[in-house]
């Protein structure tokens, strides 16, 4: 992908296993999980 995203947000996280994350460089989580991680980084 041209934009080279860091995150993939989905409610279907069971299809995005660690091997996919390693190959693509994407961190996959739900929307709620993303905002939880983001808020912990800002505090």
PDB file of N, CA and C in Angstrom:
ATOM      1  N   UNK A   1       0.830  -1.173   0.000  1.00  0.00           N
ATOM      2  CA  UNK A   1       0.000   0.000   0.000  1.00  0.00           C
ATOM      3  C   UNK A   1       0.881   1.244   0.000  1.00  0.00           C
ATOM      4  N   UNK A   2       0.506   2.189  -0.758  1.00  0.00           N
ATOM      5  CA  UNK A   2       1.279   3.413  -0.883  1.00  0.00           C
ATOM      6  C   UNK A   2       1.329   4.206   0.412  1.00  0.00           C
ATOM      7  N   UNK A   3       0.240   4.209   1.173  1.00  0.00           N
ATOM      8  CA  UNK A   3       0.189   5.033   2.383  1.00  0.00           C
ATOM      9  C   UNK A   3       0.984   4.451   3.554  1.00  0.00           C
ATOM     10  N   UNK A   4       1.312   3.171   3.522  1.00  0.00           N
ATOM     11  CA  UNK A   4       2.088   2.482   4.561  1.00  0.00           C
ATOM     12  C   UNK A   4       1.524   2.702   5.971  1.00  0.00           C
ATOM     13  N   UNK A   5       0.305   2.205   6.231  1.00  0.00           N
ATOM     14  CA  UNK A   5      -0.302   2.375   7.548  1.00  0.00           C
ATOM     15  C   UNK A   5       0.435   1.568   8.621  1.00  0.00           C
ATOM     16  N   UNK A   6       0.303   1.998   9.881  1.00  0.00           N
ATOM     17  CA  UNK A   6       0.894   1.289  11.015  1.00  0.00           C
ATOM     18  C   UNK A   6      -0.106   0.362  11.687  1.00  0.00           C
ATOM     19  N   UNK A   7      -1.388   0.689  11.579  1.00  0.00           N
ATOM     20  CA  UNK A   7      -2.442  -0.020  12.291  1.00  0.00           C
ATOM     21  C   UNK A   7      -3.507  -0.519  11.330  1.00  0.00           C
ATOM     22  N   UNK A   8      -4.110  -1.637  11.683  1.00  0.00           N
ATOM     23  CA  UNK A   8      -5.302  -2.149  11.017  1.00  0.00           C
ATOM     24  C   UNK A   8      -6.362  -2.306  12.096  1.00  0.00           C
ATOM     25  N   UNK A   9      -7.467  -1.573  11.978  1.00  0.00           N
ATOM     26  CA  UNK A   9      -8.531  -1.638  12.965  1.00  0.00           C
ATOM     27  C   UNK A   9      -9.671  -2.478  12.414  1.00  0.00           C
ATOM     28  N   UNK A  10     -10.063  -3.498  13.163  1.00  0.00           N
ATOM     29  CA  UNK A  10     -11.101  -4.414  12.724  1.00  0.00           C
ATOM     30  C   UNK A  10     -11.764  -5.055  13.936  1.00  0.00           C
ATOM     31  N   UNK A  11     -12.995  -5.494  13.752  1.00  0.00           N
ATOM     32  CA  UNK A  11     -13.664  -6.266  14.802  1.00  0.00           C
ATOM     33  C   UNK A  11     -13.411  -7.751  14.608  1.00  0.00           C
ATOM     34  N   UNK A  12     -12.776  -8.112  13.513  1.00  0.00           N
ATOM     35  CA  UNK A  12     -12.504  -9.506  13.186  1.00  0.00           C
ATOM     36  C   UNK A  12     -11.014  -9.801  13.389  1.00  0.00           C
ATOM     37  N   UNK A  13     -10.532  -9.623  14.605  1.00  0.00           N
ATOM     38  CA  UNK A  13      -9.100  -9.748  14.875  1.00  0.00           C
ATOM     39  C   UNK A  13      -8.592 -11.184  14.791  1.00  0.00           C
ATOM     40  N   UNK A  14      -9.466 -12.173  14.877  1.00  0.00           N
ATOM     41  CA  UNK A  14      -8.986 -13.557  14.862  1.00  0.00           C
ATOM     42  C   UNK A  14      -8.387 -13.961  13.518  1.00  0.00           C
ATOM     43  N   UNK A  15      -8.691 -13.244  12.441  1.00  0.00           N
ATOM     44  CA  UNK A  15      -8.109 -13.553  11.139  1.00  0.00           C
ATOM     45  C   UNK A  15      -6.746 -12.902  10.924  1.00  0.00           C
ATOM     46  N   UNK A  16      -6.368 -11.981  11.799  1.00  0.00           N
ATOM     47  CA  UNK A  16      -5.099 -11.287  11.656  1.00  0.00           C
ATOM     48  C   UNK A  16      -4.129 -11.800  12.718  1.00  0.00           C
ATOM     49  N   UNK A  17      -3.520 -12.917  12.418  1.00  0.00           N
ATOM     50  CA  UNK A  17      -2.633 -13.581  13.366  1.00  0.00           C
ATOM     51  C   UNK A  17      -1.253 -12.922  13.365  1.00  0.00           C
ATOM     52  N   UNK A  18      -0.428 -13.331  14.293  1.00  0.00           N
ATOM     53  CA  UNK A  18       0.910 -12.750  14.451  1.00  0.00           C
ATOM     54  C   UNK A  18       1.739 -12.846  13.162  1.00  0.00           C
ATOM     55  N   UNK A  19       1.574 -13.933  12.402  1.00  0.00           N
ATOM     56  CA  UNK A  19       2.330 -14.082  11.155  1.00  0.00           C
ATOM     57  C   UNK A  19       1.986 -12.973  10.162  1.00  0.00           C
ATOM     58  N   UNK A  20       0.716 -12.597  10.103  1.00  0.00           N
ATOM     59  CA  UNK A  20       0.298 -11.506   9.211  1.00  0.00           C
ATOM     60  C   UNK A  20       0.912 -10.193   9.683  1.00  0.00           C
ATOM     61  N   UNK A  21       0.878  -9.957  10.986  1.00  0.00           N
ATOM     62  CA  UNK A  21       1.458  -8.727  11.533  1.00  0.00           C
ATOM     63  C   UNK A  21       2.947  -8.645  11.228  1.00  0.00           C
ATOM     64  N   UNK A  22       3.622  -9.747  11.375  1.00  0.00           N
ATOM     65  CA  UNK A  22       5.073  -9.773  11.119  1.00  0.00           C
ATOM     66  C   UNK A  22       5.377  -9.506   9.644  1.00  0.00           C
ATOM     67  N   UNK A  23       4.590 -10.117   8.765  1.00  0.00           N
ATOM     68  CA  UNK A  23       4.820  -9.969   7.324  1.00  0.00           C
ATOM     69  C   UNK A  23       4.484  -8.566   6.825  1.00  0.00           C
ATOM     70  N   UNK A  24       3.415  -7.969   7.362  1.00  0.00           N
ATOM     71  CA  UNK A  24       2.962  -6.678   6.860  1.00  0.00           C
ATOM     72  C   UNK A  24       3.480  -5.490   7.666  1.00  0.00           C
ATOM     73  N   UNK A  25       3.888  -5.735   8.906  1.00  0.00           N
ATOM     74  CA  UNK A  25       4.310  -4.641   9.774  1.00  0.00           C
ATOM     75  C   UNK A  25       3.147  -3.901  10.405  1.00  0.00           C
ATOM     76  N   UNK A  26       1.929  -4.444  10.244  1.00  0.00           N
ATOM     77  CA  UNK A  26       0.738  -3.814  10.795  1.00  0.00           C
ATOM     78  C   UNK A  26       0.443  -4.321  12.196  1.00  0.00           C
ATOM     79  N   UNK A  27       0.018  -3.424  13.052  1.00  0.00           N
ATOM     80  CA  UNK A  27      -0.515  -3.810  14.351  1.00  0.00           C
ATOM     81  C   UNK A  27      -2.023  -3.851  14.187  1.00  0.00           C
ATOM     82  N   UNK A  28      -2.633  -4.970  14.535  1.00  0.00           N
ATOM     83  CA  UNK A  28      -4.065  -5.150  14.338  1.00  0.00           C
ATOM     84  C   UNK A  28      -4.771  -5.214  15.673  1.00  0.00           C
ATOM     85  N   UNK A  29      -5.834  -4.444  15.794  1.00  0.00           N
ATOM     86  CA  UNK A  29      -6.638  -4.422  17.006  1.00  0.00           C
ATOM     87  C   UNK A  29      -8.024  -3.895  16.669  1.00  0.00           C
ATOM     88  N   UNK A  30      -8.894  -3.872  17.668  1.00  0.00           N
ATOM     89  CA  UNK A  30     -10.215  -3.271  17.503  1.00  0.00           C
ATOM     90  C   UNK A  30     -10.090  -1.758  17.661  1.00  0.00           C
ATOM     91  N   UNK A  31     -11.137  -1.050  17.335  1.00  0.00           N
ATOM     92  CA  UNK A  31     -11.141   0.408  17.522  1.00  0.00           C
ATOM     93  C   UNK A  31     -10.948   0.748  18.996  1.00  0.00           C
ATOM     94  N   UNK A  32     -11.678   0.039  19.866  1.00  0.00           N
ATOM     95  CA  UNK A  32     -11.560   0.283  21.308  1.00  0.00           C
ATOM     96  C   UNK A  32     -10.146  -0.009  21.791  1.00  0.00           C
ATOM     97  N   UNK A  33      -9.554  -1.086  21.309  1.00  0.00           N
ATOM     98  CA  UNK A  33      -8.187  -1.429  21.689  1.00  0.00           C
ATOM     99  C   UNK A  33      -7.197  -0.376  21.247  1.00  0.00           C
ATOM    100  N   UNK A  34      -7.399   0.159  20.059  1.00  0.00           N
ATOM    101  CA  UNK A  34      -6.517   1.203  19.548  1.00  0.00           C
ATOM    102  C   UNK A  34      -6.561   2.437  20.443  1.00  0.00           C
ATOM    103  N   UNK A  35      -7.774   2.882  20.795  1.00  0.00           N
ATOM    104  CA  UNK A  35      -7.888   4.072  21.629  1.00  0.00           C
ATOM    105  C   UNK A  35      -7.393   3.821  23.047  1.00  0.00           C
ATOM    106  N   UNK A  36      -7.515   2.604  23.537  1.00  0.00           N
ATOM    107  CA  UNK A  36      -6.964   2.258  24.849  1.00  0.00           C
ATOM    108  C   UNK A  36      -5.442   2.379  24.822  1.00  0.00           C
ATOM    109  N   UNK A  37      -4.822   1.849  23.791  1.00  0.00           N
ATOM    110  CA  UNK A  37      -3.364   1.925  23.646  1.00  0.00           C
ATOM    111  C   UNK A  37      -2.930   3.380  23.452  1.00  0.00           C
ATOM    112  N   UNK A  38      -3.639   4.105  22.607  1.00  0.00           N
ATOM    113  CA  UNK A  38      -3.310   5.503  22.364  1.00  0.00           C
ATOM    114  C   UNK A  38      -3.390   6.325  23.650  1.00  0.00           C
ATOM    115  N   UNK A  39      -4.445   6.123  24.421  1.00  0.00           N
ATOM    116  CA  UNK A  39      -4.584   6.904  25.650  1.00  0.00           C
ATOM    117  C   UNK A  39      -3.502   6.545  26.678  1.00  0.00           C
ATOM    118  N   UNK A  40      -3.072   5.289  26.700  1.00  0.00           N
ATOM    119  CA  UNK A  40      -2.011   4.921  27.643  1.00  0.00           C
ATOM    120  C   UNK A  40      -0.668   5.535  27.235  1.00  0.00           C
ATOM    121  N   UNK A  41      -0.470   5.782  25.950  1.00  0.00           N
ATOM    122  CA  UNK A  41       0.760   6.410  25.483  1.00  0.00           C
ATOM    123  C   UNK A  41       0.784   7.910  25.757  1.00  0.00           C
ATOM    124  N   UNK A  42      -0.371   8.514  25.854  1.00  0.00           N
ATOM    125  CA  UNK A  42      -0.463   9.963  26.066  1.00  0.00           C
ATOM    126  C   UNK A  42      -0.371  10.348  27.536  1.00  0.00           C
ATOM    127  N   UNK A  43      -0.566   9.401  28.426  1.00  0.00           N
ATOM    128  CA  UNK A  43      -0.550   9.713  29.871  1.00  0.00           C
ATOM    129  C   UNK A  43       0.832   9.604  30.455  1.00  0.00           C
TER     130      UNK A  43
END
